[in-house]
C-alpha atoms as a PDB file:
ATOM      1  CA  UNK A   1     -55.744 -27.491 -14.593  1.00  0.00           C
ATOM      2  CA  UNK A   2     -54.334 -31.098 -15.997  1.00  0.00           C
ATOM      3  CA  UNK A   3     -52.383 -32.884 -14.112  1.00  0.00           C
ATOM      4  CA  UNK A   4     -49.752 -33.629 -16.783  1.00  0.00           C
ATOM      5  CA  UNK A   5     -49.400 -29.452 -17.406  1.00  0.00           C
ATOM      6  CA  UNK A   6     -48.877 -29.425 -13.453  1.00  0.00           C
ATOM      7  CA  UNK A   7     -46.202 -31.933 -13.483  1.00  0.00           C
ATOM      8  CA  UNK A   8     -44.741 -29.929 -16.146  1.00  0.00           C
ATOM      9  CA  UNK A   9     -44.707 -26.300 -14.638  1.00  0.00           C
ATOM     10  CA  UNK A  10     -43.462 -28.202 -11.236  1.00  0.00           C
ATOM     11  CA  UNK A  11     -40.393 -29.714 -13.468  1.00  0.00           C
ATOM     12  CA  UNK A  12     -39.997 -26.184 -14.834  1.00  0.00           C
ATOM     13  CA  UNK A  13     -39.548 -24.426 -11.650  1.00  0.00           C
ATOM     14  CA  UNK A  14     -37.161 -27.529 -10.504  1.00  0.00           C
ATOM     15  CA  UNK A  15     -34.988 -26.627 -13.423  1.00  0.00           C
ATOM     16  CA  UNK A  16     -34.877 -22.823 -12.704  1.00  0.00           C
ATOM     17  CA  UNK A  17     -34.256 -23.500  -8.864  1.00  0.00           C
ATOM     18  CA  UNK A  18     -31.162 -25.836  -9.611  1.00  0.00           C
ATOM     19  CA  UNK A  19     -30.028 -23.492 -12.230  1.00  0.00           C
ATOM     20  CA  UNK A  20     -29.960 -20.311  -9.722  1.00  0.00           C
ATOM     21  CA  UNK A  21     -26.435 -18.783  -9.380  1.00  0.00           C
ATOM     22  CA  UNK A  22     -24.423 -20.139  -6.085  1.00  0.00           C
ATOM     23  CA  UNK A  23     -25.133 -16.582  -4.538  1.00  0.00           C
ATOM     24  CA  UNK A  24     -28.425 -17.622  -3.160  1.00  0.00           C
ATOM     25  CA  UNK A  25     -26.655 -19.425  -0.914  1.00  0.00           C
ATOM     26  CA  UNK A  26     -24.717 -17.540   2.213  1.00  0.00           C
ATOM     27  CA  UNK A  27     -21.325 -16.355   0.962  1.00  0.00           C
ATOM     28  CA  UNK A  28     -18.198 -17.785   1.872  1.00  0.00           C
ATOM     29  CA  UNK A  29     -16.708 -16.100   5.241  1.00  0.00           C
ATOM     30  CA  UNK A  30     -12.856 -15.444   4.333  1.00  0.00           C
ATOM     31  CA  UNK A  31     -10.764 -14.267   7.468  1.00  0.00           C
ATOM     32  CA  UNK A  32      -8.528 -11.978   5.786  1.00  0.00           C
ATOM     33  CA  UNK A  33      -5.909 -10.542   8.040  1.00  0.00           C
ATOM     34  CA  UNK A  34      -2.745  -7.447   7.999  1.00  0.00           C
ATOM     35  CA  UNK A  35      -0.958  -5.047   9.715  1.00  0.00           C
ATOM     36  CA  UNK A  36      -2.720  -1.884  11.436  1.00  0.00           C
ATOM     37  CA  UNK A  37       0.220   0.454  10.126  1.00  0.00           C
ATOM     38  CA  UNK A  38       0.708  -0.543   6.503  1.00  0.00           C
ATOM     39  CA  UNK A  39      -0.422   2.710   4.714  1.00  0.00           C
ATOM     40  CA  UNK A  40      -1.888   2.673   1.706  1.00  0.00           C
ATOM     41  CA  UNK A  41      -1.812  -1.001   1.442  1.00  0.00           C
ATOM     42  CA  UNK A  42      -4.071  -1.877   4.319  1.00  0.00           C
ATOM     43  CA  UNK A  43      -4.841  -0.178   7.513  1.00  0.00           C
ATOM     44  CA  UNK A  44      -7.070   0.896  10.250  1.00  0.00           C
ATOM     45  CA  UNK A  45      -8.781   4.063  10.375  1.00  0.00           C
ATOM     46  CA  UNK A  46      -9.013   6.570  13.002  1.00  0.00           C
ATOM     47  CA  UNK A  47     -12.600   5.117  13.516  1.00  0.00           C
ATOM     48  CA  UNK A  48     -11.231   1.666  13.134  1.00  0.00           C
ATOM     49  CA  UNK A  49     -12.348   0.418  10.034  1.00  0.00           C
ATOM     50  CA  UNK A  50     -10.326  -1.570   7.585  1.00  0.00           C
ATOM     51  CA  UNK A  51      -9.350   0.543   4.670  1.00  0.00           C
ATOM     52  CA  UNK A  52      -6.435   0.488   1.964  1.00  0.00           C
ATOM     53  CA  UNK A  53      -5.804  -0.671  -1.492  1.00  0.00           C
ATOM     54  CA  UNK A  54      -5.673  -4.800  -0.488  1.00  0.00           C
ATOM     55  CA  UNK A  55      -8.663  -4.140   1.480  1.00  0.00           C
ATOM     56  CA  UNK A  56     -10.785  -2.749  -1.718  1.00  0.00           C
ATOM     57  CA  UNK A  57      -9.331  -4.742  -3.861  1.00  0.00           C
ATOM     58  CA  UNK A  58     -10.207  -8.342  -1.648  1.00  0.00           C
ATOM     59  CA  UNK A  59     -14.012  -6.315  -1.470  1.00  0.00           C
ATOM     60  CA  UNK A  60     -14.419  -6.517  -5.139  1.00  0.00           C
ATOM     61  CA  UNK A  61     -12.752  -9.942  -5.331  1.00  0.00           C
ATOM     62  CA  UNK A  62     -15.732 -10.881  -2.774  1.00  0.00           C
ATOM     63  CA  UNK A  63     -18.375  -9.224  -4.899  1.00  0.00           C
ATOM     64  CA  UNK A  64     -17.388 -11.130  -7.952  1.00  0.00           C
ATOM     65  CA  UNK A  65     -16.693 -14.823  -6.395  1.00  0.00           C
ATOM     66  CA  UNK A  66     -19.840 -13.931  -3.444  1.00  0.00           C
ATOM     67  CA  UNK A  67     -17.227 -14.230  -0.207  1.00  0.00           C
ATOM     68  CA  UNK A  68     -17.584 -12.611   2.830  1.00  0.00           C
ATOM     69  CA  UNK A  69     -14.237 -10.950   3.691  1.00  0.00           C
ATOM     70  CA  UNK A  70     -13.579 -10.356   7.400  1.00  0.00           C
ATOM     71  CA  UNK A  71     -11.044  -8.320   8.340  1.00  0.00           C
ATOM     72  CA  UNK A  72      -8.399  -9.033  11.048  1.00  0.00           C
ATOM     73  CA  UNK A  73      -5.367  -6.551  12.009  1.00  0.00           C
ATOM     74  CA  UNK A  74      -2.679  -7.177  14.250  1.00  0.00           C
ATOM     75  CA  UNK A  75       1.200  -7.319  14.306  1.00  0.00           C
ATOM     76  CA  UNK A  76       2.723  -8.453  11.994  1.00  0.00           C
ATOM     77  CA  UNK A  77       4.932 -11.243  12.604  1.00  0.00           C
ATOM     78  CA  UNK A  78       1.787 -12.861  14.675  1.00  0.00           C
ATOM     79  CA  UNK A  79       0.070 -12.785  11.537  1.00  0.00           C
ATOM     80  CA  UNK A  80       1.835 -14.652   9.239  1.00  0.00           C
ATOM     81  CA  UNK A  81       2.008 -17.466  12.319  1.00  0.00           C
ATOM     82  CA  UNK A  82      -1.721 -17.340  12.508  1.00  0.00           C
ATOM     83  CA  UNK A  83      -2.006 -17.503   8.725  1.00  0.00           C
ATOM     84  CA  UNK A  84       0.158 -20.782   8.622  1.00  0.00           C
ATOM     85  CA  UNK A  85      -1.878 -22.194  11.279  1.00  0.00           C
ATOM     86  CA  UNK A  86      -5.276 -21.438  10.492  1.00  0.00           C
ATOM     87  CA  UNK A  87      -6.109 -18.622  12.324  1.00  0.00           C
ATOM     88  CA  UNK A  88      -7.217 -16.296   9.541  1.00  0.00           C
ATOM     89  CA  UNK A  89      -7.235 -17.574   5.726  1.00  0.00           C
ATOM     90  CA  UNK A  90      -5.702 -14.664   3.667  1.00  0.00           C
ATOM     91  CA  UNK A  91      -3.261 -12.302   4.038  1.00  0.00           C
ATOM     92  CA  UNK A  92      -1.488  -9.658   1.230  1.00  0.00           C
ATOM     93  CA  UNK A  93       2.136 -10.525   1.369  1.00  0.00           C
ATOM     94  CA  UNK A  94       5.166  -9.906  -1.104  1.00  0.00           C
ATOM     95  CA  UNK A  95       6.310 -13.692  -2.261  1.00  0.00           C
ATOM     96  CA  UNK A  96       9.466 -15.040  -1.436  1.00  0.00           C
ATOM     97  CA  UNK A  97      10.664 -18.561  -1.711  1.00  0.00           C
ATOM     98  CA  UNK A  98      10.658 -19.340   2.108  1.00  0.00           C
ATOM     99  CA  UNK A  99       6.794 -17.704   2.089  1.00  0.00           C
ATOM    100  CA  UNK A 100       6.320 -20.470  -0.426  1.00  0.00           C
ATOM    101  CA  UNK A 101       6.855 -23.375   1.864  1.00  0.00           C
ATOM    102  CA  UNK A 102       4.592 -21.936   4.479  1.00  0.00           C
ATOM    103  CA  UNK A 103       1.715 -20.562   2.700  1.00  0.00           C
ATOM    104  CA  UNK A 104      -0.359 -20.880  -0.599  1.00  0.00           C
ATOM    105  CA  UNK A 105      -0.175 -17.966  -3.399  1.00  0.00           C
ATOM    106  CA  UNK A 106      -3.144 -16.109  -5.009  1.00  0.00           C
ATOM    107  CA  UNK A 107      -1.625 -14.985  -8.989  1.00  0.00           C
ATOM    108  CA  UNK A 108       0.194 -11.440  -8.200  1.00  0.00           C
ATOM    109  CA  UNK A 109      -1.266  -8.385  -8.328  1.00  0.00           C
ATOM    110  CA  UNK A 110       1.331  -5.869  -8.121  1.00  0.00           C
ATOM    111  CA  UNK A 111       5.460  -5.911  -8.418  1.00  0.00           C
ATOM    112  CA  UNK A 112       6.940  -3.708  -5.570  1.00  0.00           C
ATOM    113  CA  UNK A 113      10.871  -3.686  -4.289  1.00  0.00           C
ATOM    114  CA  UNK A 114      12.314  -2.582  -1.328  1.00  0.00           C
ATOM    115  CA  UNK A 115      15.112   0.568  -0.913  1.00  0.00           C
ATOM    116  CA  UNK A 116      17.657   1.192   1.778  1.00  0.00           C
ATOM    117  CA  UNK A 117      17.590   4.834   3.636  1.00  0.00           C
ATOM    118  CA  UNK A 118      19.974   6.838   5.706  1.00  0.00           C
ATOM    119  CA  UNK A 119      21.234  10.249   6.005  1.00  0.00           C
ATOM    120  CA  UNK A 120      22.149  12.285   3.106  1.00  0.00           C
ATOM    121  CA  UNK A 121      25.851  11.513   1.609  1.00  0.00           C
ATOM    122  CA  UNK A 122      26.051   7.749   2.601  1.00  0.00           C
ATOM    123  CA  UNK A 123      25.807   5.385   0.115  1.00  0.00           C
ATOM    124  CA  UNK A 124      25.218   1.352   0.091  1.00  0.00           C
ATOM    125  CA  UNK A 125      25.300  -1.123  -2.814  1.00  0.00           C
ATOM    126  CA  UNK A 126      25.508  -4.287  -1.561  1.00  0.00           C
ATOM    127  CA  UNK A 127      24.208  -6.303   1.315  1.00  0.00           C
ATOM    128  CA  UNK A 128      27.496  -7.026   2.691  1.00  0.00           C
ATOM    129  CA  UNK A 129      28.277  -3.332   3.300  1.00  0.00           C
ATOM    130  CA  UNK A 130      25.770  -3.158   6.177  1.00  0.00           C
ATOM    131  CA  UNK A 131      27.975  -5.589   8.147  1.00  0.00           C
ATOM    132  CA  UNK A 132      27.780  -4.196  11.826  1.00  0.00           C
ATOM    133  CA  UNK A 133      25.531  -1.240  11.076  1.00  0.00           C
ATOM    134  CA  UNK A 134      22.231  -0.975  12.987  1.00  0.00           C
ATOM    135  CA  UNK A 135      19.460  -1.362  10.347  1.00  0.00           C
ATOM    136  CA  UNK A 136      15.687  -1.045  11.315  1.00  0.00           C
ATOM    137  CA  UNK A 137      12.957  -3.054   9.577  1.00  0.00           C
ATOM    138  CA  UNK A 138       9.868  -4.371  10.223  1.00  0.00           C
ATOM    139  CA  UNK A 139       9.874  -7.443  12.504  1.00  0.00           C
ATOM    140  CA  UNK A 140       8.804 -10.560  10.596  1.00  0.00           C
ATOM    141  CA  UNK A 141       8.503  -8.530   7.592  1.00  0.00           C
ATOM    142  CA  UNK A 142      10.199  -8.907   4.346  1.00  0.00           C
ATOM    143  CA  UNK A 143      13.338  -7.179   4.444  1.00  0.00           C
ATOM    144  CA  UNK A 144      13.904  -8.748   8.173  1.00  0.00           C
ATOM    145  CA  UNK A 145      13.396 -12.069   6.227  1.00  0.00           C
ATOM    146  CA  UNK A 146      15.903 -11.191   3.201  1.00  0.00           C
ATOM    147  CA  UNK A 147      18.432  -9.635   5.734  1.00  0.00           C
ATOM    148  CA  UNK A 148      18.656 -12.627   7.929  1.00  0.00           C
ATOM    149  CA  UNK A 149      19.309 -14.967   4.507  1.00  0.00           C
ATOM    150  CA  UNK A 150      21.277 -12.616   2.929  1.00  0.00           C
ATOM    151  CA  UNK A 151      23.917 -13.218   5.941  1.00  0.00           C
ATOM    152  CA  UNK A 152      24.377  -9.752   5.951  1.00  0.00           C
ATOM    153  CA  UNK A 153      25.779  -9.707   9.913  1.00  0.00           C
ATOM    154  CA  UNK A 154      23.643  -6.235   9.991  1.00  0.00           C
ATOM    155  CA  UNK A 155      22.205  -5.415  13.537  1.00  0.00           C
ATOM    156  CA  UNK A 156      18.479  -5.446  13.240  1.00  0.00           C
ATOM    157  CA  UNK A 157      16.320  -3.243  14.713  1.00  0.00           C
ATOM    158  CA  UNK A 158      12.790  -4.270  14.981  1.00  0.00           C
ATOM    159  CA  UNK A 159       9.904  -2.079  14.336  1.00  0.00           C
ATOM    160  CA  UNK A 160       6.087  -2.755  14.408  1.00  0.00           C
ATOM    161  CA  UNK A 161       5.165  -0.815  11.371  1.00  0.00           C
ATOM    162  CA  UNK A 162       7.573   0.477   8.435  1.00  0.00           C
ATOM    163  CA  UNK A 163       7.525   4.038   8.643  1.00  0.00           C
ATOM    164  CA  UNK A 164       8.557   3.731  12.503  1.00  0.00           C
ATOM    165  CA  UNK A 165      11.967   2.563  10.615  1.00  0.00           C
ATOM    166  CA  UNK A 166      12.773   6.053   8.626  1.00  0.00           C
ATOM    167  CA  UNK A 167      12.253   7.615  12.226  1.00  0.00           C
ATOM    168  CA  UNK A 168      14.507   5.762  14.053  1.00  0.00           C
ATOM    169  CA  UNK A 169      17.067   6.618  11.399  1.00  0.00           C
ATOM    170  CA  UNK A 170      15.723  10.434  11.974  1.00  0.00           C
ATOM    171  CA  UNK A 171      16.054   9.943  15.353  1.00  0.00           C
ATOM    172  CA  UNK A 172      19.349   8.543  15.221  1.00  0.00           C
ATOM    173  CA  UNK A 173      18.647   5.157  16.903  1.00  0.00           C
ATOM    174  CA  UNK A 174      19.235   3.566  13.171  1.00  0.00           C
ATOM    175  CA  UNK A 175      21.950   3.896  10.416  1.00  0.00           C
ATOM    176  CA  UNK A 176      19.652   2.855   7.945  1.00  0.00           C
ATOM    177  CA  UNK A 177      15.786   1.147   7.475  1.00  0.00           C
ATOM    178  CA  UNK A 178      15.227  -0.913   4.849  1.00  0.00           C
ATOM    179  CA  UNK A 179      11.639  -1.001   3.718  1.00  0.00           C
ATOM    180  CA  UNK A 180       9.026  -0.866   0.318  1.00  0.00           C
ATOM    181  CA  UNK A 181       9.850   1.905  -1.611  1.00  0.00           C
ATOM    182  CA  UNK A 182       6.450   3.349  -2.224  1.00  0.00           C
ATOM    183  CA  UNK A 183       6.307   3.582   1.453  1.00  0.00           C
ATOM    184  CA  UNK A 184       9.133   5.074   2.350  1.00  0.00           C
ATOM    185  CA  UNK A 185       8.411   8.272  -0.108  1.00  0.00           C
ATOM    186  CA  UNK A 186       5.224   8.313   1.220  1.00  0.00           C
ATOM    187  CA  UNK A 187       6.446   8.883   4.767  1.00  0.00           C
ATOM    188  CA  UNK A 188       9.374  11.216   3.563  1.00  0.00           C
ATOM    189  CA  UNK A 189       6.852  13.623   1.903  1.00  0.00           C
ATOM    190  CA  UNK A 190       4.156  13.405   5.096  1.00  0.00           C
ATOM    191  CA  UNK A 191       6.741  13.689   7.708  1.00  0.00           C
ATOM    192  CA  UNK A 192       9.578  16.140   9.078  1.00  0.00           C
ATOM    193  CA  UNK A 193      12.534  13.061   8.914  1.00  0.00           C
ATOM    194  CA  UNK A 194      15.257  15.734   8.518  1.00  0.00           C
ATOM    195  CA  UNK A 195      17.866  14.529   6.024  1.00  0.00           C
ATOM    196  CA  UNK A 196      17.091  10.696   5.555  1.00  0.00           C
ATOM    197  CA  UNK A 197      17.187   9.592   1.717  1.00  0.00           C
ATOM    198  CA  UNK A 198      17.155   6.564  -0.167  1.00  0.00           C
ATOM    199  CA  UNK A 199      21.002   6.156  -0.379  1.00  0.00           C
ATOM    200  CA  UNK A 200      21.020   2.526  -1.820  1.00  0.00           C
ATOM    201  CA  UNK A 201      19.620   0.862  -5.579  1.00  0.00           C
ATOM    202  CA  UNK A 202      16.322  -1.388  -5.596  1.00  0.00           C
ATOM    203  CA  UNK A 203      16.486  -3.970  -3.499  1.00  0.00           C
ATOM    204  CA  UNK A 204      13.833  -6.941  -3.284  1.00  0.00           C
ATOM    205  CA  UNK A 205      11.868  -7.119  -6.063  1.00  0.00           C
ATOM    206  CA  UNK A 206       9.326  -8.865  -5.339  1.00  0.00           C
ATOM    207  CA  UNK A 207       5.547 -10.227  -6.500  1.00  0.00           C
ATOM    208  CA  UNK A 208       2.778  -8.811  -4.279  1.00  0.00           C
ATOM    209  CA  UNK A 209      -0.194 -11.404  -3.850  1.00  0.00           C
ATOM    210  CA  UNK A 210      -2.539 -12.751  -0.994  1.00  0.00           C
ATOM    211  CA  UNK A 211      -0.744 -15.795   0.698  1.00  0.00           C
ATOM    212  CA  UNK A 212      -3.294 -17.970   1.387  1.00  0.00           C
ATOM    213  CA  UNK A 213      -4.198 -20.615   4.696  1.00  0.00           C
ATOM    214  CA  UNK A 214      -2.350 -24.149   3.630  1.00  0.00           C
ATOM    215  CA  UNK A 215      -4.985 -25.731   4.568  1.00  0.00           C
ATOM    216  CA  UNK A 216      -7.549 -24.215   2.366  1.00  0.00           C
ATOM    217  CA  UNK A 217      -6.268 -24.482  -1.088  1.00  0.00           C
ATOM    218  CA  UNK A 218      -9.358 -23.791  -2.826  1.00  0.00           C
ATOM    219  CA  UNK A 219      -9.128 -20.355  -2.045  1.00  0.00           C
ATOM    220  CA  UNK A 220      -6.700 -19.866  -4.137  1.00  0.00           C
ATOM    221  CA  UNK A 221      -8.848 -20.582  -7.002  1.00  0.00           C
ATOM    222  CA  UNK A 222     -11.628 -18.085  -6.185  1.00  0.00           C
ATOM    223  CA  UNK A 223      -9.115 -15.430  -5.566  1.00  0.00           C
ATOM    224  CA  UNK A 224      -7.483 -15.730  -8.783  1.00  0.00           C
ATOM    225  CA  UNK A 225     -10.817 -15.970 -10.513  1.00  0.00           C
ATOM    226  CA  UNK A 226     -11.661 -12.462  -8.681  1.00  0.00           C
ATOM    227  CA  UNK A 227      -8.463 -10.589  -9.607  1.00  0.00           C
ATOM    228  CA  UNK A 228      -8.808 -11.708 -12.985  1.00  0.00           C
ATOM    229  CA  UNK A 229     -12.212 -10.829 -13.237  1.00  0.00           C
ATOM    230  CA  UNK A 230     -11.419  -6.785 -11.728  1.00  0.00           C
ATOM    231  CA  UNK A 231      -8.290  -6.896 -13.920  1.00  0.00           C
ATOM    232  CA  UNK A 232     -10.083  -7.436 -17.035  1.00  0.00           C
ATOM    233  CA  UNK A 233     -13.188  -5.245 -16.276  1.00  0.00           C
ATOM    234  CA  UNK A 234     -10.631  -2.255 -15.251  1.00  0.00           C
ATOM    235  CA  UNK A 235     -11.645  -1.906 -11.733  1.00  0.00           C
ATOM    236  CA  UNK A 236      -8.225  -3.243 -10.516  1.00  0.00           C
ATOM    237  CA  UNK A 237      -6.430  -0.396 -12.732  1.00  0.00           C
ATOM    238  CA  UNK A 238      -8.727   1.962 -11.049  1.00  0.00           C
ATOM    239  CA  UNK A 239      -8.187   0.736  -7.409  1.00  0.00           C
ATOM    240  CA  UNK A 240      -4.773   1.246  -8.027  1.00  0.00           C
ATOM    241  CA  UNK A 241      -5.395   4.861  -9.471  1.00  0.00           C
ATOM    242  CA  UNK A 242      -7.427   5.764  -6.156  1.00  0.00           C
ATOM    243  CA  UNK A 243      -5.085   4.371  -3.822  1.00  0.00           C
ATOM    244  CA  UNK A 244      -1.197   4.575  -4.879  1.00  0.00           C
ATOM    245  CA  UNK A 245      -1.272   6.961  -6.956  1.00  0.00           C
ATOM    246  CA  UNK A 246      -2.466  10.067  -6.183  1.00  0.00           C
ATOM    247  CA  UNK A 247       0.349  11.729  -4.596  1.00  0.00           C
ATOM    248  CA  UNK A 248       2.305  11.181  -7.600  1.00  0.00           C
ATOM    249  CA  UNK A 249       0.132  12.207  -9.680  1.00  0.00           C
ATOM    250  CA  UNK A 250      -0.941  15.151  -8.079  1.00  0.00           C
ATOM    251  CA  UNK A 251       3.329  16.160  -7.344  1.00  0.00           C
ATOM    252  CA  UNK A 252       4.118  15.468 -11.529  1.00  0.00           C
ATOM    253  CA  UNK A 253       0.820  17.628 -12.259  1.00  0.00           C
ATOM    254  CA  UNK A 254       2.265  20.857 -10.165  1.00  0.00           C
ATOM    255  CA  UNK A 255       5.599  20.581 -11.652  1.00  0.00           C
ATOM    256  CA  UNK A 256       3.974  20.104 -14.943  1.00  0.00           C
ATOM    257  CA  UNK A 257       1.974  23.442 -14.769  1.00  0.00           C
ATOM    258  CA  UNK A 258       3.607  26.573 -15.806  1.00  0.00           C
ATOM    259  CA  UNK A 259       3.668  29.416 -13.661  1.00  0.00           C
ATOM    260  CA  UNK A 260       1.084  31.904 -13.988  1.00  0.00           C
ATOM    261  CA  UNK A 261       1.927  35.128 -16.917  1.00  0.00           C
ATOM    262  CA  UNK A 262       1.338  37.633 -14.327  1.00  0.00           C
ATOM    263  CA  UNK A 263       3.279  35.848 -11.730  1.00  0.00           C
ATOM    264  CA  UNK A 264       7.387  37.757 -12.959  1.00  0.00           C
ATOM    265  CA  UNK A 265       5.019  40.719 -12.896  1.00  0.00           C
ATOM    266  CA  UNK A 266       4.554  41.251  -9.314  1.00  0.00           C
ATOM    267  CA  UNK A 267       8.447  42.162  -8.347  1.00  0.00           C
ATOM    268  CA  UNK A 268       7.811  45.054 -11.048  1.00  0.00           C
ATOM    269  CA  UNK A 269       4.346  46.015  -9.964  1.00  0.00           C
ATOM    270  CA  UNK A 270       5.735  46.265  -6.160  1.00  0.00           C
ATOM    271  CA  UNK A 271       8.454  48.492  -7.203  1.00  0.00           C
ATOM    272  CA  UNK A 272       5.988  50.521  -8.732  1.00  0.00           C
ATOM    273  CA  UNK A 273       3.267  50.982  -6.003  1.00  0.00           C
ATOM    274  CA  UNK A 274       6.541  51.660  -4.059  1.00  0.00           C
ATOM    275  CA  UNK A 275       7.239  54.520  -6.544  1.00  0.00           C
ATOM    276  CA  UNK A 276       4.268  55.938  -6.461  1.00  0.00           C
ATOM    277  CA  UNK A 277       3.522  55.713  -2.713  1.00  0.00           C
ATOM    278  CA  UNK A 278       6.591  57.978  -2.096  1.00  0.00           C
ATOM    279  CA  UNK A 279       5.922  60.639  -5.135  1.00  0.00           C
ATOM    280  CA  UNK A 280       2.404  60.922  -3.314  1.00  0.00           C
ATOM    281  CA  UNK A 281       4.423  61.430   0.116  1.00  0.00           C
ATOM    282  CA  UNK A 282       6.494  63.703  -1.256  1.00  0.00           C
ATOM    283  CA  UNK A 283       3.797  66.225  -3.318  1.00  0.00           C
ATOM    284  CA  UNK A 284       1.800  66.126   0.229  1.00  0.00           C
ATOM    285  CA  UNK A 285       4.674  67.424   1.976  1.00  0.00           C
ATOM    286  CA  UNK A 286       5.565  70.292  -0.346  1.00  0.00           C
ATOM    287  CA  UNK A 287       1.509  71.494  -0.425  1.00  0.00           C
ATOM    288  CA  UNK A 288       1.887  71.655   3.176  1.00  0.00           C
ATOM    289  CA  UNK A 289       4.918  73.723   3.501  1.00  0.00           C
END
């Protein structure tokens, strides 16, 4: 083969190698923190594997951006400290002004709010009405931060997870619980919490996004690009339907479905059957006589 042709082929091969996507290299390690009990957003399943909507979203982003997410769940307050000091790279959370001083944030991918829960018959309209009352909240969580900043003078009852705050009200260990409404409604539907119900208007409506280690600002662009891609493809909406809406959709479907047409006839049929049995027994008795 002529030397000139060999050189051309080598040059073409080098150009092709140069144009290979970044996926040829090892994916970028991304340490993702979270709470082991934050259903349905992120949690540890019974077998110890990370599950939930946030986990699924991060994995979808990782496929788009060639990232290698490693999930590390633990106590929430400590997890936020780890994020601030570089122990983990990203944590899904509510966005607030205070947190923006500690972390960088991706673009939001949800909008959520909190609700106050207490026993039936109570109503609370403003935070100042909580003065002197025992309020169960997740330690280090958004409600914890907000009540302190609002100087509501509530007696905070710190909990390790959101659902435990409702259980504290049901057990009489707290007067109220302040937590995200979507988590609370699932917990109320799943557990026997007596007469605990929403007793106030929506509070703390906030964006929900990935908080990012301030020492790794380049990750914000990566996460934003991944979120934009899964939004455009419809993957984000599909994950929302899978993880966040099935319970509500099932309840709505059950409510919307009409009763079977034969159901109202059941009582009538039972009456007629009883009458028939009575007649047969009476005839049988008359025959014996």
